[in-house]
Amino acid sequence: QLRLVESGGGLVQPGGSLRLSCAASGFTLDYYGIGWFRQAPGKEREGVSCISRRGGSTDYADSVKGRFTISRDNANNTVSLQMHSLKPEDTAVYYCAATSRGSWPYYCSGQGAYHYWGQGTQVTVSS
């Protein structure tokens, strides 16, 4: 069974950091573009970041540029999202997603590009 499992969420104070991980099982991430998305209460899910199959290309939403870094370790079948300088508006459920369709920069075209999703991990930024 193909699965993506996110971890690393939690409660952090404004200005703090968190590192989210996305672990794949049942398939090899090498062949998949990966995206991170988030959904805040009462809002639509939005794209946060995306990364090409080998990690050579990345992109970020304007709201997180300079604060978040996406990376992948294909040998360990994981993708990470390092988040610094967190703000209350970063509070959301964060999801990782994988797609075997297309190629870069298709992976950054939105959630419709993705066909495998994790269950999400809650990130709360509050004092």
N, C-alpha and C. Protein backbone atom coordinates (compact mmCIF):
# COMPACT_ATOMS: atom_id res chain seq x y z
N GLN A 1 0.85 -1.19 0.00
CA GLN A 1 0.00 0.00 0.00
C GLN A 1 0.88 1.24 0.00
N LEU A 2 0.53 2.19 -0.86
CA LEU A 2 1.30 3.41 -0.97
C LEU A 2 0.87 4.39 0.11
N ARG A 3 1.83 4.87 0.88
CA ARG A 3 1.50 5.78 1.96
C ARG A 3 2.52 6.89 2.07
N LEU A 4 2.02 8.06 2.49
CA LEU A 4 2.86 9.17 2.89
C LEU A 4 2.48 9.52 4.33
N VAL A 5 3.47 9.65 5.18
CA VAL A 5 3.20 9.95 6.58
C VAL A 5 4.01 11.17 7.00
N GLU A 6 3.32 12.22 7.41
CA GLU A 6 3.99 13.43 7.88
C GLU A 6 4.23 13.33 9.39
N SER A 7 5.27 14.00 9.83
CA SER A 7 5.56 14.09 11.26
C SER A 7 6.32 15.38 11.52
N GLY A 8 6.43 15.73 12.79
CA GLY A 8 7.22 16.89 13.17
C GLY A 8 6.42 18.13 13.52
N GLY A 9 5.11 18.05 13.37
CA GLY A 9 4.30 19.20 13.73
C GLY A 9 4.23 19.39 15.24
N GLY A 10 3.65 20.51 15.65
CA GLY A 10 3.52 20.77 17.07
C GLY A 10 3.22 22.23 17.33
N LEU A 11 3.35 22.60 18.61
CA LEU A 11 3.11 23.97 19.06
C LEU A 11 4.46 24.68 19.20
N VAL A 12 4.58 25.84 18.62
CA VAL A 12 5.82 26.59 18.69
C VAL A 12 5.49 28.07 18.85
N GLN A 13 6.35 28.79 19.51
CA GLN A 13 6.15 30.22 19.70
C GLN A 13 6.51 30.98 18.42
N PRO A 14 5.93 32.14 18.23
CA PRO A 14 6.33 32.97 17.08
C PRO A 14 7.83 33.19 17.07
N GLY A 15 8.40 33.08 15.89
CA GLY A 15 9.85 33.20 15.74
C GLY A 15 10.58 31.88 15.86
N GLY A 16 9.88 30.85 16.25
CA GLY A 16 10.49 29.54 16.43
C GLY A 16 10.63 28.76 15.14
N SER A 17 11.12 27.55 15.28
CA SER A 17 11.37 26.68 14.13
C SER A 17 10.77 25.30 14.34
N LEU A 18 10.46 24.68 13.23
CA LEU A 18 10.02 23.28 13.22
C LEU A 18 10.55 22.65 11.95
N ARG A 19 10.73 21.34 12.01
CA ARG A 19 11.12 20.58 10.82
C ARG A 19 10.11 19.48 10.61
N LEU A 20 9.42 19.57 9.50
CA LEU A 20 8.44 18.55 9.14
C LEU A 20 9.11 17.50 8.27
N SER A 21 8.70 16.26 8.45
CA SER A 21 9.20 15.17 7.61
C SER A 21 8.03 14.46 6.96
N CYS A 22 8.30 13.92 5.80
CA CYS A 22 7.31 13.15 5.06
C CYS A 22 7.99 11.85 4.64
N ALA A 23 7.52 10.75 5.16
CA ALA A 23 8.11 9.45 4.86
C ALA A 23 7.17 8.66 3.95
N ALA A 24 7.76 8.08 2.93
CA ALA A 24 6.98 7.28 1.98
C ALA A 24 7.17 5.80 2.26
N SER A 25 6.11 5.06 2.09
CA SER A 25 6.21 3.60 2.17
C SER A 25 5.38 3.00 1.05
N GLY A 26 5.85 1.87 0.56
CA GLY A 26 5.13 1.21 -0.51
C GLY A 26 5.52 1.68 -1.89
N PHE A 27 6.34 2.72 -1.98
CA PHE A 27 6.82 3.18 -3.26
C PHE A 27 8.11 3.97 -3.06
N THR A 28 8.84 4.17 -4.14
CA THR A 28 10.12 4.87 -4.09
C THR A 28 9.94 6.30 -4.54
N LEU A 29 10.35 7.23 -3.68
CA LEU A 29 10.11 8.64 -3.96
C LEU A 29 10.94 9.18 -5.12
N ASP A 30 11.97 8.46 -5.53
CA ASP A 30 12.83 8.94 -6.60
C ASP A 30 12.06 9.36 -7.85
N TYR A 31 10.93 8.69 -8.09
CA TYR A 31 10.21 8.92 -9.33
C TYR A 31 9.07 9.93 -9.19
N TYR A 32 9.05 10.62 -8.05
CA TYR A 32 7.92 11.49 -7.75
C TYR A 32 8.34 12.92 -7.43
N GLY A 33 7.60 13.85 -8.01
CA GLY A 33 7.70 15.21 -7.54
C GLY A 33 6.94 15.32 -6.23
N ILE A 34 7.40 16.20 -5.36
CA ILE A 34 6.80 16.32 -4.04
C ILE A 34 6.38 17.76 -3.78
N GLY A 35 5.25 17.89 -3.13
CA GLY A 35 4.79 19.21 -2.72
C GLY A 35 4.37 19.20 -1.26
N TRP A 36 4.52 20.35 -0.64
CA TRP A 36 3.97 20.57 0.70
C TRP A 36 2.83 21.57 0.56
N PHE A 37 1.74 21.27 1.22
CA PHE A 37 0.57 22.13 1.21
C PHE A 37 0.15 22.37 2.65
N ARG A 38 -0.68 23.36 2.85
CA ARG A 38 -1.22 23.59 4.19
C ARG A 38 -2.64 24.11 4.09
N GLN A 39 -3.38 23.83 5.15
CA GLN A 39 -4.76 24.31 5.22
C GLN A 39 -5.04 24.84 6.62
N ALA A 40 -5.32 26.12 6.66
CA ALA A 40 -5.67 26.76 7.93
C ALA A 40 -7.17 26.66 8.13
N PRO A 41 -7.63 26.78 9.37
CA PRO A 41 -9.06 26.69 9.65
C PRO A 41 -9.85 27.71 8.84
N GLY A 42 -10.89 27.25 8.16
CA GLY A 42 -11.73 28.15 7.40
C GLY A 42 -11.16 28.62 6.08
N LYS A 43 -10.00 28.08 5.72
CA LYS A 43 -9.36 28.50 4.47
C LYS A 43 -9.15 27.32 3.55
N GLU A 44 -8.92 27.62 2.29
CA GLU A 44 -8.64 26.57 1.33
C GLU A 44 -7.19 26.10 1.48
N ARG A 45 -6.98 24.87 1.06
CA ARG A 45 -5.61 24.35 1.08
C ARG A 45 -4.76 25.11 0.05
N GLU A 46 -3.55 25.45 0.45
CA GLU A 46 -2.67 26.22 -0.43
C GLU A 46 -1.31 25.55 -0.54
N GLY A 47 -0.67 25.79 -1.65
CA GLY A 47 0.67 25.26 -1.85
C GLY A 47 1.70 26.04 -1.06
N VAL A 48 2.65 25.34 -0.49
CA VAL A 48 3.71 25.95 0.30
C VAL A 48 5.05 25.84 -0.43
N SER A 49 5.36 24.64 -0.91
CA SER A 49 6.64 24.43 -1.56
C SER A 49 6.57 23.18 -2.42
N CYS A 50 7.51 23.08 -3.35
CA CYS A 50 7.56 21.92 -4.23
C CYS A 50 9.02 21.64 -4.58
N ILE A 51 9.29 20.40 -4.92
CA ILE A 51 10.66 20.00 -5.21
C ILE A 51 10.66 18.96 -6.32
N SER A 52 11.66 19.07 -7.18
CA SER A 52 11.77 18.14 -8.30
C SER A 52 12.22 16.77 -7.81
N ARG A 53 12.23 15.81 -8.73
CA ARG A 53 12.48 14.42 -8.35
C ARG A 53 13.83 14.21 -7.70
N ARG A 54 14.83 14.90 -8.18
CA ARG A 54 16.17 14.72 -7.61
C ARG A 54 16.57 15.86 -6.69
N GLY A 55 15.65 16.79 -6.49
CA GLY A 55 15.91 17.86 -5.54
C GLY A 55 16.64 19.06 -6.11
N GLY A 56 16.89 19.05 -7.42
CA GLY A 56 17.66 20.13 -8.00
C GLY A 56 16.89 21.43 -8.19
N SER A 57 15.57 21.31 -8.18
CA SER A 57 14.72 22.49 -8.36
C SER A 57 13.70 22.56 -7.24
N THR A 58 13.53 23.76 -6.72
CA THR A 58 12.55 23.99 -5.65
C THR A 58 11.84 25.32 -5.90
N ASP A 59 10.70 25.45 -5.28
CA ASP A 59 9.97 26.70 -5.34
C ASP A 59 9.14 26.85 -4.07
N TYR A 60 8.78 28.10 -3.78
CA TYR A 60 8.08 28.39 -2.54
C TYR A 60 6.98 29.42 -2.77
N ALA A 61 5.97 29.34 -1.94
CA ALA A 61 4.98 30.40 -1.92
C ALA A 61 5.64 31.67 -1.42
N ASP A 62 5.18 32.81 -1.90
CA ASP A 62 5.79 34.08 -1.48
C ASP A 62 5.74 34.26 0.03
N SER A 63 4.71 33.74 0.64
CA SER A 63 4.51 33.94 2.08
C SER A 63 5.56 33.20 2.93
N VAL A 64 6.26 32.24 2.34
CA VAL A 64 7.24 31.47 3.12
C VAL A 64 8.66 31.59 2.58
N LYS A 65 8.83 32.28 1.48
CA LYS A 65 10.17 32.42 0.90
C LYS A 65 11.13 33.04 1.89
N GLY A 66 12.30 32.46 1.98
CA GLY A 66 13.32 32.95 2.90
C GLY A 66 13.19 32.40 4.32
N ARG A 67 12.07 31.72 4.58
CA ARG A 67 11.87 31.16 5.92
C ARG A 67 11.79 29.64 5.91
N PHE A 68 11.27 29.09 4.82
CA PHE A 68 11.10 27.64 4.71
C PHE A 68 12.08 27.08 3.68
N THR A 69 12.53 25.86 3.93
CA THR A 69 13.40 25.17 2.99
C THR A 69 12.93 23.74 2.82
N ILE A 70 12.70 23.35 1.57
CA ILE A 70 12.31 21.99 1.26
C ILE A 70 13.54 21.22 0.82
N SER A 71 13.61 19.95 1.21
CA SER A 71 14.71 19.10 0.80
C SER A 71 14.23 17.67 0.74
N ARG A 72 15.01 16.83 0.09
CA ARG A 72 14.62 15.43 0.01
C ARG A 72 15.84 14.53 0.14
N ASP A 73 15.60 13.36 0.67
CA ASP A 73 16.64 12.34 0.83
C ASP A 73 16.07 11.07 0.19
N ASN A 74 16.33 10.93 -1.09
CA ASN A 74 15.75 9.79 -1.80
C ASN A 74 16.27 8.46 -1.28
N ALA A 75 17.48 8.45 -0.78
CA ALA A 75 18.04 7.20 -0.25
C ALA A 75 17.22 6.69 0.94
N ASN A 76 16.68 7.64 1.71
CA ASN A 76 15.87 7.28 2.87
C ASN A 76 14.38 7.48 2.63
N ASN A 77 14.04 7.80 1.38
CA ASN A 77 12.62 7.91 1.01
C ASN A 77 11.87 8.95 1.84
N THR A 78 12.53 10.07 2.09
CA THR A 78 11.89 11.11 2.89
C THR A 78 12.05 12.49 2.25
N VAL A 79 11.13 13.35 2.60
CA VAL A 79 11.19 14.75 2.20
C VAL A 79 10.97 15.59 3.46
N SER A 80 11.68 16.69 3.56
CA SER A 80 11.57 17.53 4.75
C SER A 80 11.18 18.95 4.39
N LEU A 81 10.60 19.62 5.36
CA LEU A 81 10.31 21.05 5.24
C LEU A 81 10.81 21.71 6.52
N GLN A 82 11.91 22.42 6.39
CA GLN A 82 12.47 23.15 7.52
C GLN A 82 11.82 24.52 7.57
N MET A 83 11.25 24.86 8.72
CA MET A 83 10.52 26.11 8.85
C MET A 83 11.15 26.96 9.95
N HIS A 84 11.54 28.16 9.60
CA HIS A 84 12.13 29.10 10.55
C HIS A 84 11.26 30.35 10.62
N SER A 85 11.51 31.14 11.67
CA SER A 85 10.82 32.43 11.83
C SER A 85 9.32 32.27 11.68
N LEU A 86 8.79 31.29 12.35
CA LEU A 86 7.38 30.97 12.20
C LEU A 86 6.49 32.09 12.73
N LYS A 87 5.37 32.28 12.06
CA LYS A 87 4.42 33.32 12.39
C LYS A 87 3.07 32.69 12.72
N PRO A 88 2.24 33.38 13.46
CA PRO A 88 0.90 32.83 13.76
C PRO A 88 0.13 32.46 12.49
N GLU A 89 0.34 33.20 11.43
CA GLU A 89 -0.37 32.89 10.18
C GLU A 89 0.14 31.64 9.49
N ASP A 90 1.20 31.04 10.01
CA ASP A 90 1.66 29.75 9.48
C ASP A 90 0.89 28.59 10.12
N THR A 91 0.06 28.89 11.09
CA THR A 91 -0.73 27.85 11.74
C THR A 91 -1.65 27.17 10.73
N ALA A 92 -1.54 25.85 10.64
CA ALA A 92 -2.31 25.10 9.66
C ALA A 92 -2.00 23.62 9.82
N VAL A 93 -2.77 22.80 9.14
CA VAL A 93 -2.41 21.40 8.95
C VAL A 93 -1.56 21.33 7.69
N TYR A 94 -0.40 20.73 7.81
CA TYR A 94 0.54 20.64 6.69
C TYR A 94 0.49 19.23 6.10
N TYR A 95 0.43 19.19 4.79
CA TYR A 95 0.34 17.93 4.07
C TYR A 95 1.49 17.82 3.07
N CYS A 96 2.01 16.62 2.93
CA CYS A 96 2.90 16.36 1.81
C CYS A 96 2.13 15.56 0.76
N ALA A 97 2.56 15.71 -0.46
CA ALA A 97 1.88 15.04 -1.57
C ALA A 97 2.92 14.64 -2.61
N ALA A 98 2.60 13.59 -3.34
CA ALA A 98 3.52 13.07 -4.35
C ALA A 98 2.80 12.89 -5.67
N THR A 99 3.54 13.11 -6.75
CA THR A 99 2.99 12.89 -8.07
C THR A 99 4.04 12.27 -8.97
N SER A 100 3.59 11.33 -9.80
CA SER A 100 4.47 10.74 -10.80
C SER A 100 4.18 11.31 -12.18
N ARG A 101 3.26 12.26 -12.24
CA ARG A 101 2.86 12.85 -13.50
C ARG A 101 3.77 14.01 -13.87
N GLY A 102 4.04 14.16 -15.16
CA GLY A 102 4.73 15.34 -15.62
C GLY A 102 6.15 15.45 -15.10
N SER A 103 6.67 16.66 -15.18
CA SER A 103 8.02 16.94 -14.72
C SER A 103 8.08 18.40 -14.26
N TRP A 104 9.21 18.79 -13.74
CA TRP A 104 9.36 20.18 -13.30
C TRP A 104 9.10 21.13 -14.46
N PRO A 105 8.35 22.21 -14.27
CA PRO A 105 7.80 22.74 -13.02
C PRO A 105 6.36 22.35 -12.76
N TYR A 106 5.89 21.28 -13.40
CA TYR A 106 4.51 20.83 -13.20
C TYR A 106 4.21 20.60 -11.73
N TYR A 107 5.21 20.20 -10.95
CA TYR A 107 4.98 19.88 -9.54
C TYR A 107 4.56 21.10 -8.73
N CYS A 108 4.71 22.27 -9.30
CA CYS A 108 4.35 23.50 -8.60
C CYS A 108 3.07 24.11 -9.14
N SER A 109 2.30 23.32 -9.86
CA SER A 109 1.10 23.86 -10.50
C SER A 109 -0.15 23.75 -9.64
N GLY A 110 0.01 23.28 -8.42
CA GLY A 110 -1.14 23.22 -7.52
C GLY A 110 -1.51 21.81 -7.12
N GLN A 111 -2.50 21.70 -6.24
CA GLN A 111 -2.83 20.41 -5.66
C GLN A 111 -3.40 19.44 -6.69
N GLY A 112 -3.93 19.94 -7.79
CA GLY A 112 -4.45 19.06 -8.82
C GLY A 112 -3.40 18.20 -9.49
N ALA A 113 -2.14 18.56 -9.32
CA ALA A 113 -1.05 17.80 -9.91
C ALA A 113 -0.75 16.53 -9.12
N TYR A 114 -1.28 16.44 -7.91
CA TYR A 114 -0.87 15.37 -6.99
C TYR A 114 -1.93 14.30 -6.82
N HIS A 115 -1.46 13.06 -6.70
CA HIS A 115 -2.41 11.97 -6.52
C HIS A 115 -2.15 11.10 -5.31
N TYR A 116 -1.11 11.40 -4.55
CA TYR A 116 -0.90 10.72 -3.27
C TYR A 116 -0.74 11.79 -2.20
N TRP A 117 -1.46 11.59 -1.11
CA TRP A 117 -1.46 12.58 -0.03
C TRP A 117 -1.25 11.90 1.31
N GLY A 118 -0.56 12.62 2.20
CA GLY A 118 -0.45 12.17 3.57
C GLY A 118 -1.68 12.62 4.37
N GLN A 119 -1.69 12.27 5.64
CA GLN A 119 -2.85 12.57 6.48
C GLN A 119 -2.73 13.96 7.13
N GLY A 120 -1.56 14.54 7.06
CA GLY A 120 -1.35 15.88 7.60
C GLY A 120 -0.78 15.88 9.01
N THR A 121 -0.11 16.97 9.33
CA THR A 121 0.42 17.19 10.67
C THR A 121 0.13 18.63 11.07
N GLN A 122 -0.33 18.81 12.30
CA GLN A 122 -0.76 20.13 12.76
C GLN A 122 0.44 20.97 13.20
N VAL A 123 0.50 22.18 12.70
CA VAL A 123 1.49 23.16 13.15
C VAL A 123 0.72 24.34 13.73
N THR A 124 1.02 24.66 14.98
CA THR A 124 0.37 25.78 15.66
C THR A 124 1.45 26.74 16.14
N VAL A 125 1.35 27.97 15.70
CA VAL A 125 2.30 29.00 16.09
C VAL A 125 1.56 29.99 16.98
N SER A 126 1.90 29.97 18.25
CA SER A 126 1.19 30.80 19.22
C SER A 126 2.04 31.01 20.45
N SER A 127 1.86 32.17 21.07
CA SER A 127 2.55 32.44 22.33
C SER A 127 1.67 32.06 23.50
